[in-house]
């Protein structure tokens, strides 16, 4: 209320976004949540990044499914997106982040791209190899989470993005 009283709407909104992240993390004891909740959690993180970078960050979403009908593991998208900001974006003045979610043959495909540091195919293969390892890094934790839910019935791939940046794609079974 102090932020609103002082006309600091962006501060107020960032407090709400941070609150959403914390509250989602605390109340989601279940390993599965509606895709709409997972997207809300990811979007809270991305809005905080938008506050940080302002007009220098462009967020692009293409959602081609009804997010209310699908159940997905909690917090498997945000750590992948976080990698774009920690490792992908370096000195780019204009940062772009793309998220596409679509249904494909009874599966859900999530694609995240950034225009950051161009990573070659060999480096992408190394990222995937490390991800499958037993480190405590975010990607390996996500991989283990997906493995515990889907067994071998999923995939995660990293590839160079045309021009610059990296593409991360995750395919999981579509579960209602």
N, C-alpha and C. Protein backbone atom coordinates (compact mmCIF):
# COMPACT_ATOMS: atom_id res chain seq x y z
N UNK A 1 0.83 -1.20 0.00
CA UNK A 1 0.00 0.00 0.00
C UNK A 1 0.87 1.26 0.00
N UNK A 2 2.06 1.16 0.63
CA UNK A 2 2.95 2.33 0.62
C UNK A 2 3.44 2.62 -0.80
N UNK A 3 3.73 1.57 -1.56
CA UNK A 3 4.19 1.76 -2.93
C UNK A 3 3.10 2.41 -3.76
N UNK A 4 1.86 1.97 -3.62
CA UNK A 4 0.76 2.56 -4.37
C UNK A 4 0.50 4.00 -3.95
N UNK A 5 0.57 4.25 -2.63
CA UNK A 5 0.33 5.61 -2.13
C UNK A 5 1.36 6.59 -2.67
N UNK A 6 2.55 6.09 -2.95
CA UNK A 6 3.62 6.96 -3.48
C UNK A 6 3.71 6.91 -4.99
N UNK A 7 2.73 6.26 -5.64
CA UNK A 7 2.71 6.22 -7.10
C UNK A 7 3.74 5.29 -7.70
N UNK A 8 4.22 4.33 -6.94
CA UNK A 8 5.25 3.40 -7.41
C UNK A 8 4.58 2.10 -7.86
N UNK A 9 3.84 2.19 -8.95
CA UNK A 9 3.06 1.05 -9.44
C UNK A 9 3.96 -0.12 -9.83
N UNK A 10 5.10 0.17 -10.46
CA UNK A 10 5.98 -0.93 -10.87
C UNK A 10 6.55 -1.66 -9.65
N UNK A 11 6.86 -0.94 -8.59
CA UNK A 11 7.33 -1.59 -7.36
C UNK A 11 6.22 -2.45 -6.77
N UNK A 12 5.00 -1.93 -6.74
CA UNK A 12 3.86 -2.68 -6.25
C UNK A 12 3.68 -3.97 -7.06
N UNK A 13 3.73 -3.87 -8.40
CA UNK A 13 3.57 -5.04 -9.25
C UNK A 13 4.68 -6.06 -9.03
N UNK A 14 5.91 -5.59 -8.84
CA UNK A 14 7.02 -6.52 -8.62
C UNK A 14 6.87 -7.24 -7.28
N UNK A 15 6.34 -6.56 -6.28
CA UNK A 15 6.08 -7.21 -4.99
C UNK A 15 5.03 -8.30 -5.16
N UNK A 16 3.99 -8.01 -5.94
CA UNK A 16 2.97 -9.04 -6.21
C UNK A 16 3.56 -10.23 -6.95
N UNK A 17 4.43 -9.97 -7.95
CA UNK A 17 5.05 -11.06 -8.71
C UNK A 17 5.95 -11.91 -7.83
N UNK A 18 6.73 -11.27 -6.99
CA UNK A 18 7.60 -12.00 -6.07
C UNK A 18 6.76 -12.81 -5.07
N UNK A 19 5.68 -12.22 -4.61
CA UNK A 19 4.77 -12.91 -3.70
C UNK A 19 4.18 -14.14 -4.37
N UNK A 20 3.83 -14.02 -5.65
CA UNK A 20 3.29 -15.16 -6.40
C UNK A 20 4.32 -16.28 -6.48
N UNK A 21 5.58 -15.94 -6.75
CA UNK A 21 6.64 -16.96 -6.81
C UNK A 21 6.76 -17.68 -5.47
N UNK A 22 6.84 -16.90 -4.39
CA UNK A 22 7.02 -17.51 -3.07
C UNK A 22 5.81 -18.35 -2.68
N UNK A 23 4.62 -17.81 -2.88
CA UNK A 23 3.43 -18.52 -2.46
C UNK A 23 3.22 -19.79 -3.28
N UNK A 24 3.51 -19.75 -4.56
CA UNK A 24 3.38 -20.95 -5.39
C UNK A 24 4.36 -22.02 -4.93
N UNK A 25 5.57 -21.61 -4.63
CA UNK A 25 6.59 -22.57 -4.19
C UNK A 25 6.20 -23.21 -2.86
N UNK A 26 5.58 -22.44 -1.98
CA UNK A 26 5.22 -22.96 -0.67
C UNK A 26 3.98 -23.85 -0.68
N UNK A 27 2.98 -23.52 -1.49
CA UNK A 27 1.72 -24.26 -1.43
C UNK A 27 1.63 -25.42 -2.41
N UNK A 28 2.55 -25.52 -3.33
CA UNK A 28 2.49 -26.61 -4.29
C UNK A 28 3.26 -27.82 -3.79
N UNK A 29 2.61 -28.54 -2.87
CA UNK A 29 3.21 -29.78 -2.37
C UNK A 29 3.07 -30.90 -3.39
N UNK A 30 2.06 -30.78 -4.24
CA UNK A 30 1.83 -31.78 -5.26
C UNK A 30 2.88 -31.62 -6.35
N UNK A 31 3.27 -32.73 -6.94
CA UNK A 31 4.26 -32.63 -8.00
C UNK A 31 3.63 -32.20 -9.32
N UNK A 32 2.29 -32.30 -9.45
CA UNK A 32 1.61 -31.94 -10.68
C UNK A 32 0.67 -30.77 -10.43
N UNK A 33 0.65 -29.84 -11.39
CA UNK A 33 -0.22 -28.66 -11.32
C UNK A 33 -0.82 -28.42 -12.71
N UNK A 34 -1.92 -27.69 -12.78
CA UNK A 34 -2.42 -27.32 -14.11
C UNK A 34 -1.37 -26.49 -14.85
N UNK A 35 -1.29 -26.67 -16.15
CA UNK A 35 -0.34 -25.92 -16.96
C UNK A 35 -0.54 -24.42 -16.78
N UNK A 36 -1.76 -23.98 -16.58
CA UNK A 36 -2.01 -22.55 -16.36
C UNK A 36 -1.28 -22.04 -15.12
N UNK A 37 -1.21 -22.87 -14.06
CA UNK A 37 -0.49 -22.47 -12.84
C UNK A 37 1.02 -22.45 -13.08
N UNK A 38 1.52 -23.43 -13.83
CA UNK A 38 2.94 -23.46 -14.16
C UNK A 38 3.32 -22.23 -14.98
N UNK A 39 2.46 -21.87 -15.93
CA UNK A 39 2.71 -20.68 -16.75
C UNK A 39 2.66 -19.42 -15.88
N UNK A 40 1.71 -19.35 -14.96
CA UNK A 40 1.61 -18.20 -14.05
C UNK A 40 2.89 -18.05 -13.23
N UNK A 41 3.43 -19.16 -12.75
CA UNK A 41 4.66 -19.17 -11.97
C UNK A 41 5.83 -18.66 -12.83
N UNK A 42 5.95 -19.20 -14.04
CA UNK A 42 6.99 -18.75 -14.98
C UNK A 42 6.82 -17.28 -15.31
N UNK A 43 5.60 -16.86 -15.57
CA UNK A 43 5.35 -15.47 -15.96
C UNK A 43 5.68 -14.50 -14.83
N UNK A 44 5.47 -14.90 -13.58
CA UNK A 44 5.85 -14.04 -12.45
C UNK A 44 7.36 -13.79 -12.47
N UNK A 45 8.12 -14.83 -12.74
CA UNK A 45 9.58 -14.69 -12.85
C UNK A 45 9.94 -13.77 -14.03
N UNK A 46 9.30 -13.99 -15.17
CA UNK A 46 9.62 -13.19 -16.36
C UNK A 46 9.25 -11.73 -16.18
N UNK A 47 8.16 -11.46 -15.46
CA UNK A 47 7.78 -10.06 -15.21
C UNK A 47 8.80 -9.37 -14.31
N UNK A 48 9.40 -10.12 -13.39
CA UNK A 48 10.46 -9.54 -12.56
C UNK A 48 11.68 -9.20 -13.43
N UNK A 49 11.99 -10.07 -14.39
CA UNK A 49 13.09 -9.77 -15.33
C UNK A 49 12.74 -8.55 -16.18
N UNK A 50 11.48 -8.44 -16.56
CA UNK A 50 11.02 -7.29 -17.35
C UNK A 50 11.20 -6.00 -16.55
N UNK A 51 10.91 -6.06 -15.26
CA UNK A 51 11.14 -4.90 -14.40
C UNK A 51 12.62 -4.55 -14.38
N UNK A 52 13.46 -5.54 -14.32
CA UNK A 52 14.92 -5.35 -14.28
C UNK A 52 15.44 -4.71 -15.56
N UNK A 53 15.00 -5.25 -16.73
CA UNK A 53 15.55 -4.80 -18.01
C UNK A 53 14.68 -3.78 -18.73
N UNK A 54 13.45 -3.58 -18.29
CA UNK A 54 12.57 -2.59 -18.90
C UNK A 54 12.32 -2.86 -20.37
N UNK A 55 12.40 -1.79 -21.16
CA UNK A 55 12.14 -1.89 -22.59
C UNK A 55 13.22 -2.65 -23.34
N UNK A 56 14.31 -3.01 -22.66
CA UNK A 56 15.39 -3.76 -23.31
C UNK A 56 15.12 -5.27 -23.33
N UNK A 57 13.99 -5.68 -22.74
CA UNK A 57 13.60 -7.09 -22.76
C UNK A 57 12.25 -7.22 -23.44
N UNK A 58 12.21 -8.05 -24.45
CA UNK A 58 10.97 -8.33 -25.16
C UNK A 58 10.57 -9.77 -24.85
N UNK A 59 9.36 -9.95 -24.32
CA UNK A 59 8.82 -11.27 -24.01
C UNK A 59 7.78 -11.62 -25.06
N UNK A 60 7.89 -12.81 -25.64
CA UNK A 60 6.98 -13.24 -26.69
C UNK A 60 6.42 -14.60 -26.32
N UNK A 61 5.09 -14.71 -26.24
CA UNK A 61 4.42 -15.96 -25.90
C UNK A 61 3.51 -16.38 -27.05
N UNK A 62 3.57 -17.65 -27.39
CA UNK A 62 2.63 -18.22 -28.34
C UNK A 62 2.10 -19.50 -27.71
N UNK A 63 0.88 -19.42 -27.20
CA UNK A 63 0.26 -20.54 -26.50
C UNK A 63 -0.83 -21.11 -27.41
N UNK A 64 -0.63 -22.32 -27.87
CA UNK A 64 -1.56 -22.93 -28.82
C UNK A 64 -2.24 -24.15 -28.22
N UNK A 65 -2.70 -24.01 -26.99
CA UNK A 65 -3.43 -25.07 -26.31
C UNK A 65 -4.24 -24.46 -25.19
N UNK A 66 -5.19 -25.21 -24.69
CA UNK A 66 -5.97 -24.79 -23.53
C UNK A 66 -5.18 -25.20 -22.28
N UNK A 67 -4.59 -24.23 -21.63
CA UNK A 67 -3.70 -24.53 -20.50
C UNK A 67 -4.42 -25.08 -19.29
N UNK A 68 -5.73 -24.88 -19.20
CA UNK A 68 -6.48 -25.37 -18.05
C UNK A 68 -6.63 -26.88 -18.05
N UNK A 69 -6.53 -27.52 -19.20
CA UNK A 69 -6.84 -28.95 -19.28
C UNK A 69 -5.65 -29.87 -19.01
N UNK A 70 -4.44 -29.35 -18.97
CA UNK A 70 -3.25 -30.20 -18.86
C UNK A 70 -2.61 -30.11 -17.48
N UNK A 71 -2.12 -31.25 -17.01
CA UNK A 71 -1.38 -31.31 -15.75
C UNK A 71 0.10 -31.51 -16.08
N UNK A 72 0.96 -30.74 -15.42
CA UNK A 72 2.41 -30.80 -15.66
C UNK A 72 3.14 -30.76 -14.32
N UNK A 73 4.40 -31.17 -14.30
CA UNK A 73 5.18 -31.07 -13.05
C UNK A 73 5.37 -29.61 -12.66
N UNK A 74 5.28 -29.35 -11.36
CA UNK A 74 5.47 -27.99 -10.87
C UNK A 74 6.92 -27.55 -11.02
N UNK A 75 7.12 -26.34 -11.47
CA UNK A 75 8.42 -25.67 -11.55
C UNK A 75 9.42 -26.42 -12.42
N UNK A 76 9.01 -26.77 -13.63
CA UNK A 76 9.98 -27.35 -14.57
C UNK A 76 10.33 -26.37 -15.69
N UNK A 77 9.55 -25.30 -15.86
CA UNK A 77 9.84 -24.33 -16.92
C UNK A 77 10.73 -23.18 -16.44
N UNK A 78 10.48 -22.67 -15.26
CA UNK A 78 11.19 -21.48 -14.79
C UNK A 78 12.71 -21.69 -14.73
N UNK A 79 13.23 -22.80 -14.23
CA UNK A 79 14.69 -22.96 -14.22
C UNK A 79 15.31 -22.96 -15.62
N UNK A 80 14.58 -23.45 -16.61
CA UNK A 80 15.10 -23.41 -17.98
C UNK A 80 15.14 -21.97 -18.47
N UNK A 81 14.07 -21.22 -18.21
CA UNK A 81 14.04 -19.80 -18.59
C UNK A 81 15.13 -19.02 -17.85
N UNK A 82 15.33 -19.36 -16.60
CA UNK A 82 16.34 -18.68 -15.78
C UNK A 82 17.73 -18.82 -16.41
N UNK A 83 17.99 -19.97 -17.03
CA UNK A 83 19.29 -20.15 -17.69
C UNK A 83 19.52 -19.14 -18.80
N UNK A 84 18.46 -18.73 -19.48
CA UNK A 84 18.60 -17.72 -20.53
C UNK A 84 19.14 -16.42 -19.95
N UNK A 85 18.69 -16.08 -18.75
CA UNK A 85 19.11 -14.83 -18.14
C UNK A 85 20.47 -14.95 -17.46
N UNK A 86 20.78 -16.11 -16.91
CA UNK A 86 22.05 -16.29 -16.21
C UNK A 86 23.19 -16.56 -17.19
N UNK A 87 22.94 -17.45 -18.17
CA UNK A 87 24.02 -17.87 -19.07
C UNK A 87 23.88 -17.33 -20.49
N UNK A 88 22.66 -17.13 -20.95
CA UNK A 88 22.45 -16.79 -22.35
C UNK A 88 22.67 -15.33 -22.69
N UNK A 89 22.07 -14.46 -21.91
CA UNK A 89 22.19 -13.03 -22.18
C UNK A 89 23.48 -12.52 -21.57
N UNK A 90 24.29 -11.91 -22.39
CA UNK A 90 25.53 -11.34 -21.84
C UNK A 90 25.49 -9.83 -22.06
N UNK A 91 25.98 -9.38 -23.17
CA UNK A 91 26.08 -7.94 -23.41
C UNK A 91 25.02 -7.42 -24.38
N UNK A 92 24.02 -8.25 -24.71
CA UNK A 92 23.00 -7.80 -25.65
C UNK A 92 22.25 -6.60 -25.09
N UNK A 93 22.15 -5.56 -25.89
CA UNK A 93 21.36 -4.41 -25.46
C UNK A 93 19.87 -4.74 -25.47
N UNK A 94 19.46 -5.42 -26.51
CA UNK A 94 18.05 -5.79 -26.65
C UNK A 94 17.92 -7.30 -26.47
N UNK A 95 17.26 -7.69 -25.40
CA UNK A 95 17.10 -9.09 -25.06
C UNK A 95 15.72 -9.56 -25.50
N UNK A 96 15.67 -10.74 -26.11
CA UNK A 96 14.40 -11.32 -26.54
C UNK A 96 14.27 -12.73 -25.98
N UNK A 97 13.10 -13.00 -25.44
CA UNK A 97 12.79 -14.32 -24.90
C UNK A 97 11.48 -14.78 -25.54
N UNK A 98 11.48 -15.99 -26.08
CA UNK A 98 10.32 -16.54 -26.76
C UNK A 98 9.89 -17.83 -26.06
N UNK A 99 8.59 -17.98 -25.86
CA UNK A 99 8.03 -19.22 -25.32
C UNK A 99 6.89 -19.65 -26.22
N UNK A 100 6.96 -20.89 -26.67
CA UNK A 100 5.87 -21.48 -27.45
C UNK A 100 5.43 -22.76 -26.75
N UNK A 101 4.12 -22.92 -26.60
CA UNK A 101 3.55 -24.14 -26.03
C UNK A 101 2.50 -24.64 -27.02
N UNK A 102 2.65 -25.91 -27.42
CA UNK A 102 1.67 -26.47 -28.35
C UNK A 102 1.47 -27.96 -28.09
N UNK A 103 0.36 -28.47 -28.59
CA UNK A 103 0.07 -29.90 -28.55
C UNK A 103 0.57 -30.52 -29.85
N UNK A 104 1.13 -31.70 -29.73
CA UNK A 104 1.63 -32.38 -30.92
C UNK A 104 1.52 -33.89 -30.71
N UNK A 105 0.58 -34.51 -31.38
CA UNK A 105 0.40 -35.97 -31.31
C UNK A 105 0.29 -36.50 -29.88
N UNK A 106 -0.61 -35.90 -29.09
CA UNK A 106 -0.83 -36.39 -27.72
C UNK A 106 0.28 -36.02 -26.76
N UNK A 107 1.08 -35.05 -27.13
CA UNK A 107 2.20 -34.60 -26.28
C UNK A 107 2.17 -33.08 -26.22
N UNK A 108 2.84 -32.53 -25.23
CA UNK A 108 3.00 -31.09 -25.12
C UNK A 108 4.44 -30.73 -25.45
N UNK A 109 4.61 -29.76 -26.31
CA UNK A 109 5.94 -29.29 -26.69
C UNK A 109 6.11 -27.87 -26.18
N UNK A 110 7.17 -27.66 -25.40
CA UNK A 110 7.52 -26.35 -24.86
C UNK A 110 8.83 -25.94 -25.52
N UNK A 111 8.84 -24.78 -26.14
CA UNK A 111 10.06 -24.29 -26.77
C UNK A 111 10.38 -22.92 -26.21
N UNK A 112 11.58 -22.75 -25.68
CA UNK A 112 12.05 -21.47 -25.18
C UNK A 112 13.29 -21.09 -25.98
N UNK A 113 13.31 -19.85 -26.44
CA UNK A 113 14.44 -19.36 -27.22
C UNK A 113 14.86 -18.00 -26.69
N UNK A 114 16.13 -17.71 -26.86
CA UNK A 114 16.62 -16.37 -26.53
C UNK A 114 17.59 -15.93 -27.62
N UNK A 115 17.80 -14.64 -27.70
CA UNK A 115 18.72 -14.09 -28.70
C UNK A 115 20.09 -13.79 -28.10
N UNK A 116 20.42 -14.48 -27.04
CA UNK A 116 21.68 -14.23 -26.36
C UNK A 116 22.87 -14.85 -27.06
N UNK A 117 23.82 -15.24 -26.27
CA UNK A 117 25.06 -15.83 -26.74
C UNK A 117 24.80 -17.04 -27.62
N UNK A 118 25.37 -17.06 -28.82
CA UNK A 118 25.21 -18.19 -29.72
C UNK A 118 26.02 -19.36 -29.20
N UNK A 119 25.35 -20.47 -29.01
CA UNK A 119 25.99 -21.69 -28.52
C UNK A 119 26.00 -22.68 -29.68
N UNK A 120 27.17 -23.23 -29.99
CA UNK A 120 27.25 -24.16 -31.12
C UNK A 120 26.70 -25.53 -30.76
N UNK A 121 26.54 -26.36 -31.77
CA UNK A 121 25.94 -27.69 -31.59
C UNK A 121 26.73 -28.54 -30.60
N UNK A 122 28.04 -28.49 -30.65
CA UNK A 122 28.88 -29.28 -29.74
C UNK A 122 28.62 -28.86 -28.28
N UNK A 123 28.54 -27.56 -28.05
CA UNK A 123 28.26 -27.06 -26.69
C UNK A 123 26.88 -27.47 -26.22
N UNK A 124 25.90 -27.47 -27.14
CA UNK A 124 24.55 -27.91 -26.79
C UNK A 124 24.56 -29.38 -26.38
N UNK A 125 25.32 -30.20 -27.09
CA UNK A 125 25.44 -31.62 -26.73
C UNK A 125 26.06 -31.78 -25.35
N UNK A 126 27.04 -30.94 -25.05
CA UNK A 126 27.69 -30.98 -23.73
C UNK A 126 26.71 -30.57 -22.63
N UNK A 127 25.89 -29.56 -22.89
CA UNK A 127 24.86 -29.14 -21.91
C UNK A 127 23.93 -30.31 -21.62
N UNK A 128 23.49 -31.00 -22.67
CA UNK A 128 22.56 -32.13 -22.48
C UNK A 128 23.23 -33.28 -21.74
N UNK A 129 24.51 -33.50 -22.00
CA UNK A 129 25.23 -34.56 -21.30
C UNK A 129 25.33 -34.23 -19.81
N UNK A 130 25.68 -32.99 -19.48
CA UNK A 130 25.78 -32.59 -18.08
C UNK A 130 24.41 -32.62 -17.39
N UNK A 131 23.38 -32.25 -18.14
CA UNK A 131 22.02 -32.23 -17.61
C UNK A 131 21.61 -33.63 -17.15
N UNK A 132 22.02 -34.64 -17.88
CA UNK A 132 21.67 -36.02 -17.53
C UNK A 132 22.50 -36.56 -16.37
N UNK A 133 23.52 -35.80 -15.97
CA UNK A 133 24.37 -36.20 -14.85
C UNK A 133 23.68 -35.96 -13.53
N UNK A 134 24.38 -36.20 -12.47
CA UNK A 134 23.77 -36.08 -11.14
C UNK A 134 24.28 -34.86 -10.39
N UNK A 135 24.44 -33.75 -11.09
CA UNK A 135 24.88 -32.53 -10.41
C UNK A 135 23.68 -31.87 -9.74
N UNK A 136 23.93 -30.86 -8.99
CA UNK A 136 22.85 -30.12 -8.32
C UNK A 136 22.44 -28.88 -9.13
N UNK A 137 22.90 -28.79 -10.36
CA UNK A 137 22.53 -27.65 -11.18
C UNK A 137 21.06 -27.73 -11.58
N UNK A 138 20.48 -26.57 -11.90
CA UNK A 138 19.06 -26.48 -12.22
C UNK A 138 18.60 -27.42 -13.31
N UNK A 139 19.36 -27.51 -14.41
CA UNK A 139 18.93 -28.36 -15.52
C UNK A 139 18.93 -29.84 -15.15
N UNK A 140 19.91 -30.27 -14.39
CA UNK A 140 19.93 -31.69 -14.00
C UNK A 140 18.79 -31.98 -13.02
N UNK A 141 18.44 -31.01 -12.18
CA UNK A 141 17.31 -31.22 -11.26
C UNK A 141 16.00 -31.30 -12.05
N UNK A 142 15.87 -30.49 -13.08
CA UNK A 142 14.68 -30.55 -13.93
C UNK A 142 14.62 -31.89 -14.66
N UNK A 143 15.76 -32.32 -15.18
CA UNK A 143 15.81 -33.59 -15.89
C UNK A 143 15.38 -34.74 -14.96
N UNK A 144 15.91 -34.74 -13.73
CA UNK A 144 15.55 -35.79 -12.77
C UNK A 144 14.06 -35.71 -12.41
N UNK A 145 13.53 -34.50 -12.29
CA UNK A 145 12.11 -34.34 -12.00
C UNK A 145 11.26 -34.94 -13.12
N UNK A 146 11.60 -34.62 -14.36
CA UNK A 146 10.84 -35.15 -15.49
C UNK A 146 11.00 -36.67 -15.59
N UNK A 147 12.19 -37.16 -15.29
CA UNK A 147 12.44 -38.60 -15.31
C UNK A 147 11.59 -39.30 -14.25
N UNK A 148 11.46 -38.69 -13.08
CA UNK A 148 10.67 -39.33 -12.02
C UNK A 148 9.18 -39.35 -12.35
N UNK A 149 8.72 -38.39 -13.12
CA UNK A 149 7.30 -38.34 -13.49
C UNK A 149 7.00 -39.17 -14.73
N UNK A 150 7.86 -39.09 -15.75
CA UNK A 150 7.56 -39.69 -17.05
C UNK A 150 8.44 -40.88 -17.42
N UNK A 151 9.38 -41.25 -16.60
CA UNK A 151 10.31 -42.32 -16.98
C UNK A 151 11.10 -41.88 -18.20
N UNK A 152 11.15 -42.70 -19.20
CA UNK A 152 11.88 -42.35 -20.43
C UNK A 152 10.98 -41.69 -21.48
N UNK A 153 9.72 -41.41 -21.11
CA UNK A 153 8.74 -40.91 -22.07
C UNK A 153 8.71 -39.37 -22.13
N UNK A 154 9.86 -38.76 -22.31
CA UNK A 154 10.00 -37.32 -22.48
C UNK A 154 11.35 -37.06 -23.11
N UNK A 155 11.56 -35.83 -23.58
CA UNK A 155 12.91 -35.44 -23.99
C UNK A 155 13.12 -33.95 -23.76
N UNK A 156 14.38 -33.60 -23.58
CA UNK A 156 14.83 -32.22 -23.45
C UNK A 156 15.98 -32.05 -24.41
N UNK A 157 15.90 -31.04 -25.27
CA UNK A 157 16.95 -30.80 -26.25
C UNK A 157 17.34 -29.33 -26.26
N UNK A 158 18.62 -29.12 -26.42
CA UNK A 158 19.15 -27.77 -26.61
C UNK A 158 19.78 -27.71 -27.98
N UNK A 159 19.58 -26.61 -28.68
CA UNK A 159 20.16 -26.45 -30.01
C UNK A 159 20.45 -24.98 -30.27
N UNK A 160 21.40 -24.71 -31.17
CA UNK A 160 21.66 -23.31 -31.52
C UNK A 160 20.42 -22.71 -32.18
N UNK A 161 20.16 -21.47 -31.89
CA UNK A 161 19.06 -20.75 -32.52
C UNK A 161 19.61 -20.03 -33.75
N UNK A 162 18.86 -20.02 -34.82
CA UNK A 162 19.33 -19.36 -36.03
C UNK A 162 19.64 -17.89 -35.73
N UNK A 163 20.82 -17.45 -36.08
CA UNK A 163 21.26 -16.07 -35.82
C UNK A 163 22.07 -15.98 -34.54
N UNK A 164 21.39 -16.04 -33.41
CA UNK A 164 22.08 -16.01 -32.13
C UNK A 164 21.18 -16.63 -31.07
N UNK A 165 21.79 -17.07 -30.01
CA UNK A 165 21.03 -17.62 -28.91
C UNK A 165 20.91 -19.12 -28.90
N UNK A 166 20.01 -19.58 -28.05
CA UNK A 166 19.82 -21.00 -27.82
C UNK A 166 18.32 -21.32 -27.84
N UNK A 167 18.01 -22.51 -28.29
CA UNK A 167 16.64 -23.03 -28.25
C UNK A 167 16.63 -24.21 -27.28
N UNK A 168 15.73 -24.16 -26.33
CA UNK A 168 15.51 -25.29 -25.42
C UNK A 168 14.12 -25.82 -25.71
N UNK A 169 14.02 -27.11 -25.94
CA UNK A 169 12.72 -27.74 -26.23
C UNK A 169 12.51 -28.90 -25.27
N UNK A 170 11.28 -28.97 -24.77
CA UNK A 170 10.90 -30.05 -23.84
C UNK A 170 9.61 -30.67 -24.37
N UNK A 171 9.61 -31.98 -24.51
CA UNK A 171 8.41 -32.72 -24.95
C UNK A 171 8.02 -33.68 -23.86
N UNK A 172 6.75 -33.55 -23.41
CA UNK A 172 6.23 -34.44 -22.36
C UNK A 172 4.88 -34.99 -22.81
N UNK A 173 4.45 -36.11 -22.24
CA UNK A 173 3.12 -36.62 -22.54
C UNK A 173 2.06 -35.62 -22.08
N UNK A 174 1.01 -35.46 -22.85
CA UNK A 174 -0.09 -34.58 -22.46
C UNK A 174 -0.99 -35.36 -21.50
N UNK A 175 -1.08 -34.89 -20.26
CA UNK A 175 -1.87 -35.57 -19.23
C UNK A 175 -2.94 -34.62 -18.73
N UNK A 176 -4.19 -35.12 -18.73
CA UNK A 176 -5.30 -34.29 -18.23
C UNK A 176 -5.46 -34.47 -16.75
